[in-house]
Amino acid sequence: MNRSLRLTRVLLCALLVAAPLVQAADAAVDAITQAVARPDVLRGQFTQEKQVSGFKNPLRSQGQFVVARKHGVIWSTLKPFPSEVVVTADRILSRQRDGSTRVELDARQQPAMRSVNAIMFALMSGDVQALSSQFNVEATREGQGWRLRLTPKSAMLAKAFQSLTLQGDRYVRQVEIIEANQDRTRIQFTALSEAPATLNADEARRFE
């Protein structure tokens, strides 16, 4: 299993033990919440760079994604090796370049998986109120943009992550994840679009 998928699984599994979502009261958080778009469907491209402790050169990957509020997340890596991770309310699927599909997590075995859809959407769309139950949130405005630094509240999360930092404006533009072992992942989101506002036939099929 590649590092990107392992990181996704670690993040998802850690978040499964989180408390129910709560409202954030901080004024800066409220302002960012109002600024961030809440589209039904958001598409874009990503560039990911992971610096592994003990290695000089970072691991780089590129691809595209779809976040659909009522369906989940499609995370398609195109370079250096094609693969795809699909997160829905019921399961996490991984698809390899040969077309094979494997269920990584299934809500029938782990009912708490049904919370993953909302959590993943929160991370990628900057839903601060949703994230505030799992993380301590430091929010700052930077000109027309904003920055959020998230540190784990629970011991379970702290075993996996030191911090997550999100930066953006109307959309999340960058996410930096620092793991407990000091590995660092930086993801840049570009070419973001809310159109078309509904899934096309191929996207809908990939969520099935």
N, C-alpha and C. Protein backbone atom coordinates (compact mmCIF):
# COMPACT_ATOMS: atom_id res chain seq x y z
N MET A 1 0.86 -1.19 0.00
CA MET A 1 0.00 0.00 0.00
C MET A 1 0.89 1.24 0.00
N ASN A 2 0.61 2.25 -0.85
CA ASN A 2 1.48 3.40 -0.94
C ASN A 2 1.32 4.30 0.28
N ARG A 3 2.28 5.24 0.42
CA ARG A 3 2.31 6.10 1.61
C ARG A 3 1.10 7.00 1.71
N SER A 4 0.62 7.49 0.56
CA SER A 4 -0.53 8.38 0.57
C SER A 4 -1.76 7.68 1.14
N LEU A 5 -1.97 6.44 0.72
CA LEU A 5 -3.12 5.69 1.22
C LEU A 5 -2.94 5.36 2.68
N ARG A 6 -1.72 5.01 3.10
CA ARG A 6 -1.48 4.73 4.51
C ARG A 6 -1.79 5.95 5.36
N LEU A 7 -1.35 7.13 4.90
CA LEU A 7 -1.62 8.35 5.64
C LEU A 7 -3.12 8.61 5.72
N THR A 8 -3.82 8.40 4.61
CA THR A 8 -5.27 8.58 4.60
C THR A 8 -5.93 7.66 5.61
N ARG A 9 -5.51 6.41 5.64
CA ARG A 9 -6.11 5.46 6.57
C ARG A 9 -5.82 5.83 8.01
N VAL A 10 -4.57 6.26 8.30
CA VAL A 10 -4.24 6.66 9.66
C VAL A 10 -5.10 7.84 10.09
N LEU A 11 -5.23 8.83 9.20
CA LEU A 11 -6.04 9.99 9.51
C LEU A 11 -7.49 9.61 9.77
N LEU A 12 -8.05 8.79 8.89
CA LEU A 12 -9.44 8.40 9.03
C LEU A 12 -9.67 7.59 10.29
N CYS A 13 -8.79 6.63 10.55
CA CYS A 13 -8.97 5.77 11.74
C CYS A 13 -8.87 6.60 13.01
N ALA A 14 -7.95 7.55 13.05
CA ALA A 14 -7.81 8.38 14.23
C ALA A 14 -9.04 9.23 14.46
N LEU A 15 -9.62 9.74 13.38
CA LEU A 15 -10.78 10.61 13.51
C LEU A 15 -12.04 9.85 13.89
N LEU A 16 -12.04 8.55 13.70
CA LEU A 16 -13.24 7.77 14.02
C LEU A 16 -13.56 7.78 15.51
N VAL A 17 -12.57 8.06 16.35
CA VAL A 17 -12.81 8.04 17.80
C VAL A 17 -13.20 9.42 18.31
N ALA A 18 -13.37 10.38 17.40
CA ALA A 18 -13.63 11.76 17.83
C ALA A 18 -15.02 11.91 18.43
N ALA A 19 -15.18 12.98 19.20
CA ALA A 19 -16.47 13.30 19.82
C ALA A 19 -17.42 13.86 18.77
N PRO A 20 -18.73 13.95 19.10
CA PRO A 20 -19.70 14.54 18.18
C PRO A 20 -19.32 15.98 17.83
N LEU A 21 -19.75 16.43 16.66
CA LEU A 21 -19.40 17.76 16.20
C LEU A 21 -20.01 18.83 17.11
N VAL A 22 -19.24 19.91 17.31
CA VAL A 22 -19.71 21.01 18.14
C VAL A 22 -19.52 22.32 17.40
N GLN A 23 -20.11 23.38 17.90
CA GLN A 23 -19.97 24.70 17.31
C GLN A 23 -18.74 25.39 17.87
N ALA A 24 -18.02 26.10 17.00
CA ALA A 24 -16.88 26.89 17.44
C ALA A 24 -17.32 28.32 17.68
N ALA A 25 -16.86 28.93 18.80
CA ALA A 25 -17.37 30.22 19.19
C ALA A 25 -16.42 31.37 18.86
N ASP A 26 -15.15 31.10 18.57
CA ASP A 26 -14.16 32.13 18.34
C ASP A 26 -14.56 33.02 17.16
N ALA A 27 -14.36 34.35 17.32
CA ALA A 27 -14.78 35.29 16.28
C ALA A 27 -14.03 35.07 14.98
N ALA A 28 -12.72 34.79 15.05
CA ALA A 28 -11.93 34.55 13.84
C ALA A 28 -12.42 33.29 13.14
N VAL A 29 -12.75 32.27 13.92
CA VAL A 29 -13.28 31.03 13.35
C VAL A 29 -14.60 31.30 12.64
N ASP A 30 -15.46 32.08 13.28
CA ASP A 30 -16.75 32.41 12.68
C ASP A 30 -16.57 33.15 11.37
N ALA A 31 -15.61 34.07 11.32
CA ALA A 31 -15.37 34.85 10.11
C ALA A 31 -14.88 33.95 8.98
N ILE A 32 -13.99 33.01 9.29
CA ILE A 32 -13.49 32.09 8.27
C ILE A 32 -14.61 31.17 7.80
N THR A 33 -15.43 30.73 8.73
CA THR A 33 -16.56 29.87 8.37
C THR A 33 -17.46 30.56 7.36
N GLN A 34 -17.69 31.86 7.54
CA GLN A 34 -18.54 32.60 6.62
C GLN A 34 -17.86 32.80 5.26
N ALA A 35 -16.53 32.84 5.25
CA ALA A 35 -15.80 33.13 4.01
C ALA A 35 -15.66 31.92 3.10
N VAL A 36 -15.62 30.72 3.68
CA VAL A 36 -15.34 29.52 2.90
C VAL A 36 -16.59 29.04 2.16
N ALA A 37 -16.40 28.68 0.88
CA ALA A 37 -17.51 28.20 0.05
C ALA A 37 -17.99 26.84 0.53
N ARG A 38 -19.27 26.55 0.30
CA ARG A 38 -19.85 25.25 0.66
C ARG A 38 -20.56 24.65 -0.56
N PRO A 39 -19.84 24.38 -1.63
CA PRO A 39 -20.49 23.84 -2.83
C PRO A 39 -20.91 22.39 -2.65
N ASP A 40 -21.90 21.96 -3.41
CA ASP A 40 -22.29 20.56 -3.40
C ASP A 40 -21.21 19.68 -4.01
N VAL A 41 -20.52 20.22 -5.03
CA VAL A 41 -19.45 19.48 -5.70
C VAL A 41 -18.28 20.44 -5.94
N LEU A 42 -17.09 20.01 -5.55
CA LEU A 42 -15.87 20.78 -5.79
C LEU A 42 -14.84 19.88 -6.45
N ARG A 43 -14.27 20.36 -7.56
CA ARG A 43 -13.25 19.61 -8.28
C ARG A 43 -11.95 20.40 -8.32
N GLY A 44 -10.85 19.69 -8.44
CA GLY A 44 -9.58 20.39 -8.53
C GLY A 44 -8.44 19.43 -8.75
N GLN A 45 -7.24 20.01 -8.73
CA GLN A 45 -6.01 19.25 -8.88
C GLN A 45 -5.19 19.40 -7.61
N PHE A 46 -4.32 18.44 -7.36
CA PHE A 46 -3.47 18.53 -6.18
C PHE A 46 -2.03 18.16 -6.52
N THR A 47 -1.13 18.76 -5.79
CA THR A 47 0.29 18.39 -5.80
C THR A 47 0.67 18.08 -4.36
N GLN A 48 1.19 16.90 -4.14
CA GLN A 48 1.52 16.47 -2.78
C GLN A 48 3.01 16.21 -2.67
N GLU A 49 3.58 16.71 -1.59
CA GLU A 49 5.01 16.50 -1.32
C GLU A 49 5.15 15.99 0.10
N LYS A 50 5.77 14.85 0.26
CA LYS A 50 5.93 14.25 1.59
C LYS A 50 7.41 14.12 1.91
N GLN A 51 7.82 14.74 3.00
CA GLN A 51 9.19 14.64 3.48
C GLN A 51 9.25 13.61 4.60
N VAL A 52 9.89 12.50 4.33
CA VAL A 52 9.99 11.41 5.30
C VAL A 52 11.26 11.59 6.11
N SER A 53 11.14 11.48 7.41
CA SER A 53 12.30 11.63 8.29
C SER A 53 13.40 10.64 7.89
N GLY A 54 14.62 11.15 7.77
CA GLY A 54 15.74 10.30 7.42
C GLY A 54 16.04 10.23 5.94
N PHE A 55 15.16 10.80 5.11
CA PHE A 55 15.37 10.80 3.66
C PHE A 55 15.59 12.24 3.19
N LYS A 56 16.53 12.42 2.27
CA LYS A 56 16.89 13.75 1.80
C LYS A 56 15.83 14.33 0.87
N ASN A 57 15.38 13.51 -0.09
CA ASN A 57 14.46 14.00 -1.11
C ASN A 57 13.01 13.66 -0.77
N PRO A 58 12.10 14.59 -0.96
CA PRO A 58 10.70 14.34 -0.68
C PRO A 58 10.06 13.44 -1.74
N LEU A 59 8.97 12.78 -1.36
CA LEU A 59 8.16 11.99 -2.29
C LEU A 59 7.09 12.92 -2.87
N ARG A 60 6.99 12.96 -4.19
CA ARG A 60 6.05 13.87 -4.84
C ARG A 60 5.01 13.09 -5.63
N SER A 61 3.79 13.59 -5.62
CA SER A 61 2.72 13.00 -6.42
C SER A 61 1.77 14.10 -6.88
N GLN A 62 1.06 13.82 -7.96
CA GLN A 62 0.11 14.78 -8.53
C GLN A 62 -1.15 14.04 -8.92
N GLY A 63 -2.25 14.78 -8.94
CA GLY A 63 -3.49 14.15 -9.36
C GLY A 63 -4.65 15.11 -9.32
N GLN A 64 -5.84 14.55 -9.21
CA GLN A 64 -7.05 15.35 -9.19
C GLN A 64 -8.03 14.76 -8.19
N PHE A 65 -9.00 15.58 -7.79
CA PHE A 65 -9.95 15.11 -6.79
C PHE A 65 -11.34 15.67 -7.06
N VAL A 66 -12.31 15.00 -6.47
CA VAL A 66 -13.70 15.46 -6.47
C VAL A 66 -14.22 15.32 -5.05
N VAL A 67 -14.78 16.40 -4.51
CA VAL A 67 -15.43 16.35 -3.21
C VAL A 67 -16.91 16.60 -3.45
N ALA A 68 -17.75 15.62 -3.16
CA ALA A 68 -19.20 15.74 -3.36
C ALA A 68 -19.88 15.62 -2.00
N ARG A 69 -20.56 16.66 -1.59
CA ARG A 69 -21.10 16.72 -0.23
C ARG A 69 -21.99 15.53 0.10
N LYS A 70 -22.79 15.06 -0.85
CA LYS A 70 -23.72 13.97 -0.58
C LYS A 70 -23.14 12.59 -0.88
N HIS A 71 -21.89 12.55 -1.35
CA HIS A 71 -21.32 11.27 -1.75
C HIS A 71 -20.00 10.95 -1.06
N GLY A 72 -19.05 11.87 -1.09
CA GLY A 72 -17.76 11.60 -0.49
C GLY A 72 -16.64 12.25 -1.26
N VAL A 73 -15.49 11.58 -1.29
CA VAL A 73 -14.28 12.12 -1.90
C VAL A 73 -13.67 11.11 -2.85
N ILE A 74 -13.32 11.56 -4.06
CA ILE A 74 -12.53 10.76 -5.00
C ILE A 74 -11.16 11.40 -5.08
N TRP A 75 -10.12 10.65 -4.71
CA TRP A 75 -8.74 11.16 -4.68
C TRP A 75 -7.93 10.34 -5.68
N SER A 76 -7.66 10.92 -6.85
CA SER A 76 -7.04 10.18 -7.95
C SER A 76 -5.61 10.64 -8.16
N THR A 77 -4.65 9.77 -7.85
CA THR A 77 -3.24 10.06 -8.09
C THR A 77 -2.90 9.68 -9.53
N LEU A 78 -2.30 10.60 -10.27
CA LEU A 78 -1.93 10.35 -11.67
C LEU A 78 -0.44 10.11 -11.83
N LYS A 79 0.38 10.80 -11.04
CA LYS A 79 1.83 10.66 -11.08
C LYS A 79 2.36 10.54 -9.66
N PRO A 80 3.40 9.74 -9.43
CA PRO A 80 4.16 8.95 -10.42
C PRO A 80 3.49 7.63 -10.80
N PHE A 81 2.56 7.15 -9.97
CA PHE A 81 1.89 5.88 -10.25
C PHE A 81 0.38 6.07 -10.11
N PRO A 82 -0.39 5.75 -11.15
CA PRO A 82 -1.84 5.94 -11.08
C PRO A 82 -2.48 5.05 -10.00
N SER A 83 -3.35 5.66 -9.22
CA SER A 83 -4.12 4.93 -8.22
C SER A 83 -5.27 5.84 -7.78
N GLU A 84 -6.20 5.29 -7.05
CA GLU A 84 -7.36 6.08 -6.64
C GLU A 84 -7.88 5.61 -5.30
N VAL A 85 -8.25 6.56 -4.45
CA VAL A 85 -8.91 6.27 -3.19
C VAL A 85 -10.27 6.94 -3.22
N VAL A 86 -11.33 6.18 -2.91
CA VAL A 86 -12.69 6.71 -2.88
C VAL A 86 -13.23 6.54 -1.46
N VAL A 87 -13.61 7.65 -0.85
CA VAL A 87 -14.17 7.63 0.50
C VAL A 87 -15.65 7.95 0.42
N THR A 88 -16.49 7.08 0.91
CA THR A 88 -17.93 7.33 1.00
C THR A 88 -18.35 7.17 2.46
N ALA A 89 -19.63 7.34 2.72
CA ALA A 89 -20.14 7.17 4.09
C ALA A 89 -19.98 5.73 4.56
N ASP A 90 -19.92 4.77 3.63
CA ASP A 90 -19.91 3.36 3.99
C ASP A 90 -18.55 2.68 3.92
N ARG A 91 -17.63 3.23 3.14
CA ARG A 91 -16.38 2.49 2.93
C ARG A 91 -15.30 3.36 2.34
N ILE A 92 -14.08 2.82 2.39
CA ILE A 92 -12.95 3.40 1.69
C ILE A 92 -12.47 2.36 0.68
N LEU A 93 -12.44 2.74 -0.59
CA LEU A 93 -11.99 1.86 -1.66
C LEU A 93 -10.66 2.34 -2.20
N SER A 94 -9.77 1.42 -2.56
CA SER A 94 -8.56 1.78 -3.29
C SER A 94 -8.56 1.05 -4.62
N ARG A 95 -8.25 1.78 -5.68
CA ARG A 95 -8.18 1.21 -7.02
C ARG A 95 -6.76 1.40 -7.55
N GLN A 96 -6.18 0.34 -8.08
CA GLN A 96 -4.82 0.38 -8.59
C GLN A 96 -4.81 0.58 -10.11
N ARG A 97 -3.62 0.75 -10.67
CA ARG A 97 -3.50 1.05 -12.09
C ARG A 97 -3.98 -0.08 -12.98
N ASP A 98 -4.01 -1.31 -12.45
CA ASP A 98 -4.49 -2.43 -13.26
C ASP A 98 -6.02 -2.56 -13.22
N GLY A 99 -6.68 -1.64 -12.53
CA GLY A 99 -8.13 -1.66 -12.48
C GLY A 99 -8.70 -2.43 -11.30
N SER A 100 -7.84 -3.09 -10.53
CA SER A 100 -8.32 -3.87 -9.39
C SER A 100 -8.80 -2.93 -8.28
N THR A 101 -9.82 -3.39 -7.56
CA THR A 101 -10.41 -2.60 -6.48
C THR A 101 -10.35 -3.39 -5.18
N ARG A 102 -10.04 -2.68 -4.09
CA ARG A 102 -9.98 -3.34 -2.80
C ARG A 102 -10.68 -2.47 -1.76
N VAL A 103 -11.50 -3.08 -0.93
CA VAL A 103 -12.15 -2.36 0.16
C VAL A 103 -11.17 -2.27 1.32
N GLU A 104 -10.79 -1.05 1.68
CA GLU A 104 -9.84 -0.86 2.77
C GLU A 104 -10.53 -0.82 4.13
N LEU A 105 -11.69 -0.15 4.20
CA LEU A 105 -12.48 -0.09 5.42
C LEU A 105 -13.94 -0.18 5.03
N ASP A 106 -14.74 -0.89 5.83
CA ASP A 106 -16.14 -1.11 5.51
C ASP A 106 -16.99 -0.84 6.75
N ALA A 107 -18.04 -0.03 6.58
CA ALA A 107 -18.89 0.34 7.71
C ALA A 107 -19.63 -0.86 8.29
N ARG A 108 -19.76 -1.95 7.52
CA ARG A 108 -20.42 -3.13 8.06
C ARG A 108 -19.59 -3.75 9.17
N GLN A 109 -18.25 -3.61 9.07
CA GLN A 109 -17.37 -4.09 10.13
C GLN A 109 -17.07 -3.00 11.16
N GLN A 110 -17.08 -1.74 10.69
CA GLN A 110 -16.77 -0.62 11.57
C GLN A 110 -17.84 0.46 11.40
N PRO A 111 -18.95 0.36 12.13
CA PRO A 111 -20.07 1.29 11.95
C PRO A 111 -19.69 2.76 12.08
N ALA A 112 -18.65 3.07 12.87
CA ALA A 112 -18.25 4.46 13.04
C ALA A 112 -17.74 5.08 11.75
N MET A 113 -17.48 4.25 10.75
CA MET A 113 -17.04 4.75 9.45
C MET A 113 -18.02 5.76 8.86
N ARG A 114 -19.26 5.72 9.28
CA ARG A 114 -20.26 6.62 8.70
C ARG A 114 -19.98 8.08 9.01
N SER A 115 -19.09 8.34 9.94
CA SER A 115 -18.72 9.73 10.23
C SER A 115 -17.62 10.24 9.33
N VAL A 116 -16.99 9.35 8.56
CA VAL A 116 -15.82 9.75 7.78
C VAL A 116 -16.17 10.73 6.67
N ASN A 117 -17.31 10.54 6.02
CA ASN A 117 -17.71 11.43 4.94
C ASN A 117 -17.67 12.89 5.40
N ALA A 118 -18.32 13.17 6.52
CA ALA A 118 -18.37 14.53 7.03
C ALA A 118 -16.99 15.04 7.42
N ILE A 119 -16.18 14.17 8.04
CA ILE A 119 -14.86 14.59 8.47
C ILE A 119 -13.95 14.91 7.29
N MET A 120 -13.94 14.03 6.28
CA MET A 120 -13.10 14.28 5.11
C MET A 120 -13.54 15.55 4.38
N PHE A 121 -14.84 15.76 4.27
CA PHE A 121 -15.31 16.98 3.63
C PHE A 121 -14.87 18.19 4.44
N ALA A 122 -14.91 18.07 5.76
CA ALA A 122 -14.50 19.18 6.62
C ALA A 122 -13.03 19.53 6.40
N LEU A 123 -12.18 18.53 6.29
CA LEU A 123 -10.75 18.78 6.09
C LEU A 123 -10.48 19.46 4.76
N MET A 124 -11.16 19.02 3.71
CA MET A 124 -10.87 19.53 2.37
C MET A 124 -11.62 20.82 2.05
N SER A 125 -12.69 21.10 2.78
CA SER A 125 -13.47 22.29 2.49
C SER A 125 -13.30 23.38 3.55
N GLY A 126 -12.49 23.09 4.59
CA GLY A 126 -12.26 24.10 5.61
C GLY A 126 -13.43 24.32 6.54
N ASP A 127 -14.18 23.27 6.84
CA ASP A 127 -15.32 23.37 7.74
C ASP A 127 -14.80 23.43 9.18
N VAL A 128 -14.54 24.64 9.65
CA VAL A 128 -13.88 24.81 10.94
C VAL A 128 -14.75 24.32 12.09
N GLN A 129 -16.03 24.57 12.01
CA GLN A 129 -16.91 24.16 13.10
C GLN A 129 -16.91 22.65 13.28
N ALA A 130 -16.84 21.92 12.17
CA ALA A 130 -16.81 20.46 12.28
C ALA A 130 -15.49 19.98 12.85
N LEU A 131 -14.40 20.63 12.47
CA LEU A 131 -13.08 20.19 12.91
C LEU A 131 -12.80 20.54 14.37
N SER A 132 -13.51 21.53 14.91
CA SER A 132 -13.18 22.04 16.23
C SER A 132 -13.45 21.04 17.35
N SER A 133 -14.20 20.00 17.11
CA SER A 133 -14.44 19.00 18.16
C SER A 133 -13.27 18.03 18.29
N GLN A 134 -12.51 17.86 17.20
CA GLN A 134 -11.39 16.93 17.24
C GLN A 134 -10.05 17.62 17.49
N PHE A 135 -9.99 18.93 17.20
CA PHE A 135 -8.73 19.65 17.28
C PHE A 135 -8.89 20.98 18.01
N ASN A 136 -7.82 21.40 18.66
CA ASN A 136 -7.72 22.77 19.12
C ASN A 136 -7.43 23.63 17.89
N VAL A 137 -8.17 24.71 17.72
CA VAL A 137 -8.09 25.50 16.50
C VAL A 137 -7.51 26.88 16.80
N GLU A 138 -6.42 27.22 16.09
CA GLU A 138 -5.86 28.57 16.12
C GLU A 138 -6.14 29.18 14.75
N ALA A 139 -6.97 30.21 14.73
CA ALA A 139 -7.40 30.81 13.47
C ALA A 139 -6.87 32.22 13.34
N THR A 140 -6.31 32.55 12.17
CA THR A 140 -5.82 33.89 11.90
C THR A 140 -6.24 34.30 10.49
N ARG A 141 -6.50 35.59 10.31
CA ARG A 141 -6.78 36.13 9.00
C ARG A 141 -5.49 36.69 8.43
N GLU A 142 -5.26 36.47 7.14
CA GLU A 142 -4.05 36.94 6.46
C GLU A 142 -4.47 37.65 5.19
N GLY A 143 -4.70 38.98 5.27
CA GLY A 143 -5.18 39.72 4.11
C GLY A 143 -6.57 39.23 3.73
N GLN A 144 -6.71 38.78 2.48
CA GLN A 144 -7.98 38.23 2.01
C GLN A 144 -8.12 36.75 2.33
N GLY A 145 -7.06 36.17 2.90
CA GLY A 145 -7.08 34.74 3.19
C GLY A 145 -7.13 34.45 4.68
N TRP A 146 -6.87 33.20 5.02
CA TRP A 146 -6.92 32.76 6.40
C TRP A 146 -5.98 31.58 6.61
N ARG A 147 -5.70 31.31 7.86
CA ARG A 147 -4.82 30.19 8.23
C ARG A 147 -5.38 29.54 9.49
N LEU A 148 -5.45 28.21 9.46
CA LEU A 148 -5.90 27.44 10.62
C LEU A 148 -4.80 26.47 11.03
N ARG A 149 -4.45 26.48 12.29
CA ARG A 149 -3.53 25.48 12.82
C ARG A 149 -4.31 24.61 13.78
N LEU A 150 -4.33 23.31 13.50
CA LEU A 150 -5.10 22.35 14.28
C LEU A 150 -4.15 21.45 15.05
N THR A 151 -4.36 21.34 16.35
CA THR A 151 -3.58 20.41 17.17
C THR A 151 -4.55 19.45 17.84
N PRO A 152 -4.18 18.18 17.95
CA PRO A 152 -5.11 17.16 18.45
C PRO A 152 -5.56 17.39 19.88
N LYS A 153 -6.83 17.10 20.12
CA LYS A 153 -7.35 17.12 21.48
C LYS A 153 -7.18 15.78 22.17
N SER A 154 -7.35 14.69 21.42
CA SER A 154 -7.34 13.36 22.02
C SER A 154 -5.96 12.72 21.95
N ALA A 155 -5.71 11.79 22.89
CA ALA A 155 -4.45 11.06 22.89
C ALA A 155 -4.31 10.21 21.63
N MET A 156 -5.43 9.68 21.14
CA MET A 156 -5.40 8.86 19.93
C MET A 156 -4.90 9.66 18.73
N LEU A 157 -5.44 10.85 18.56
CA LEU A 157 -4.99 11.70 17.46
C LEU A 157 -3.54 12.11 17.63
N ALA A 158 -3.14 12.40 18.87
CA ALA A 158 -1.77 12.84 19.13
C ALA A 158 -0.76 11.75 18.80
N LYS A 159 -1.16 10.49 18.84
CA LYS A 159 -0.26 9.41 18.47
C LYS A 159 0.05 9.43 16.98
N ALA A 160 -0.85 10.02 16.20
CA ALA A 160 -0.67 10.05 14.75
C ALA A 160 -0.17 11.39 14.24
N PHE A 161 -0.63 12.50 14.84
CA PHE A 161 -0.36 13.82 14.30
C PHE A 161 0.13 14.79 15.35
N GLN A 162 1.07 15.62 14.94
CA GLN A 162 1.49 16.75 15.76
C GLN A 162 0.60 17.96 15.47
N SER A 163 0.36 18.20 14.18
CA SER A 163 -0.50 19.33 13.82
C SER A 163 -0.94 19.22 12.36
N LEU A 164 -2.03 19.90 12.03
CA LEU A 164 -2.48 20.08 10.66
C LEU A 164 -2.69 21.58 10.46
N THR A 165 -2.20 22.10 9.35
CA THR A 165 -2.35 23.53 9.06
C THR A 165 -3.04 23.68 7.72
N LEU A 166 -4.13 24.44 7.71
CA LEU A 166 -4.88 24.71 6.49
C LEU A 166 -4.76 26.19 6.16
N GLN A 167 -4.58 26.51 4.87
CA GLN A 167 -4.55 27.89 4.42
C GLN A 167 -5.47 28.02 3.22
N GLY A 168 -6.14 29.17 3.10
CA GLY A 168 -7.03 29.33 1.97
C GLY A 168 -7.68 30.69 1.92
N ASP A 169 -8.71 30.78 1.10
CA ASP A 169 -9.52 31.99 0.95
C ASP A 169 -10.97 31.53 0.84
N ARG A 170 -11.53 31.57 -0.35
CA ARG A 170 -12.86 30.99 -0.55
C ARG A 170 -12.81 29.47 -0.46
N TYR A 171 -11.64 28.91 -0.78
CA TYR A 171 -11.41 27.47 -0.74
C TYR A 171 -10.16 27.17 0.08
N VAL A 172 -9.99 25.92 0.48
CA VAL A 172 -8.73 25.47 1.05
C VAL A 172 -7.72 25.39 -0.09
N ARG A 173 -6.59 26.06 0.07
CA ARG A 173 -5.55 26.07 -0.97
C ARG A 173 -4.35 25.21 -0.62
N GLN A 174 -4.11 25.02 0.67
CA GLN A 174 -2.96 24.23 1.09
C GLN A 174 -3.24 23.55 2.42
N VAL A 175 -2.79 22.32 2.55
CA VAL A 175 -2.86 21.58 3.81
C VAL A 175 -1.47 21.04 4.12
N GLU A 176 -1.01 21.27 5.33
CA GLU A 176 0.26 20.70 5.78
C GLU A 176 -0.01 19.81 6.98
N ILE A 177 0.46 18.58 6.92
CA ILE A 177 0.26 17.60 7.98
C ILE A 177 1.63 17.23 8.55
N ILE A 178 1.81 17.45 9.84
CA ILE A 178 3.03 17.02 10.51
C ILE A 178 2.65 15.84 11.41
N GLU A 179 3.21 14.68 11.10
CA GLU A 179 2.88 13.49 11.86
C GLU A 179 3.70 13.43 13.14
N ALA A 180 3.31 12.55 14.03
CA ALA A 180 3.99 12.44 15.31
C ALA A 180 5.45 12.06 15.16
N ASN A 181 5.78 11.35 14.08
CA ASN A 181 7.17 10.94 13.85
C ASN A 181 7.97 11.98 13.06
N GLN A 182 7.38 13.19 12.89
CA GLN A 182 7.99 14.32 12.21
C GLN A 182 7.96 14.23 10.69
N ASP A 183 7.39 13.17 10.12
CA ASP A 183 7.15 13.18 8.67
C ASP A 183 6.20 14.34 8.36
N ARG A 184 6.44 14.98 7.22
CA ARG A 184 5.69 16.19 6.89
C ARG A 184 5.10 16.05 5.48
N THR A 185 3.81 16.29 5.34
CA THR A 185 3.13 16.25 4.04
C THR A 185 2.52 17.60 3.75
N ARG A 186 2.81 18.13 2.55
CA ARG A 186 2.22 19.40 2.12
C ARG A 186 1.44 19.16 0.83
N ILE A 187 0.16 19.55 0.82
CA ILE A 187 -0.70 19.35 -0.34
C ILE A 187 -1.20 20.71 -0.82
N GLN A 188 -0.96 21.00 -2.10
CA GLN A 188 -1.44 22.22 -2.73
C GLN A 188 -2.64 21.88 -3.61
N PHE A 189 -3.71 22.66 -3.49
CA PHE A 189 -4.90 22.48 -4.32
C PHE A 189 -4.99 23.61 -5.34
N THR A 190 -5.17 23.26 -6.61
CA THR A 190 -5.25 24.25 -7.67
C THR A 190 -6.40 23.92 -8.61
N ALA A 191 -6.68 24.84 -9.53
CA ALA A 191 -7.71 24.66 -10.56
C ALA A 191 -9.04 24.25 -9.94
N LEU A 192 -9.41 24.88 -8.85
CA LEU A 192 -10.64 24.53 -8.15
C LEU A 192 -11.86 25.07 -8.88
N SER A 193 -12.90 24.25 -8.96
CA SER A 193 -14.10 24.64 -9.71
C SER A 193 -15.34 24.02 -9.09
N GLU A 194 -16.41 24.80 -9.04
CA GLU A 194 -17.70 24.31 -8.56
C GLU A 194 -18.61 23.89 -9.71
N ALA A 195 -18.14 24.04 -10.94
CA ALA A 195 -18.96 23.72 -12.12
C ALA A 195 -18.40 22.51 -12.86
N PRO A 196 -19.27 21.64 -13.34
CA PRO A 196 -20.72 21.63 -13.13
C PRO A 196 -21.07 21.30 -11.67
N ALA A 197 -22.26 21.70 -11.26
CA ALA A 197 -22.66 21.60 -9.86
C ALA A 197 -23.14 20.21 -9.47
N THR A 198 -23.21 19.30 -10.44
CA THR A 198 -23.61 17.93 -10.16
C THR A 198 -22.56 16.98 -10.72
N LEU A 199 -22.53 15.76 -10.20
CA LEU A 199 -21.58 14.76 -10.68
C LEU A 199 -21.93 14.34 -12.09
N ASN A 200 -20.89 14.10 -12.92
CA ASN A 200 -21.15 13.51 -14.23
C ASN A 200 -21.29 12.00 -14.08
N ALA A 201 -21.61 11.32 -15.16
CA ALA A 201 -21.89 9.89 -15.09
C ALA A 201 -20.69 9.09 -14.60
N ASP A 202 -19.49 9.46 -15.05
CA ASP A 202 -18.29 8.72 -14.64
C ASP A 202 -18.01 8.91 -13.16
N GLU A 203 -18.13 10.13 -12.68
CA GLU A 203 -17.90 10.40 -11.25
C GLU A 203 -18.91 9.65 -10.39
N ALA A 204 -20.17 9.67 -10.79
CA ALA A 204 -21.19 8.96 -10.03
C ALA A 204 -20.91 7.46 -9.99
N ARG A 205 -20.43 6.91 -11.11
CA ARG A 205 -20.11 5.49 -11.17
C ARG A 205 -18.99 5.14 -10.22
N ARG A 206 -18.01 6.00 -10.10
CA ARG A 206 -16.86 5.71 -9.23
C ARG A 206 -17.23 5.74 -7.75
N PHE A 207 -18.34 6.36 -7.41
CA PHE A 207 -18.79 6.34 -6.03
C PHE A 207 -19.59 5.08 -5.70
N GLU A 208 -19.98 4.29 -6.71
CA GLU A 208 -20.81 3.12 -6.49
C GLU A 208 -20.02 1.99 -5.84
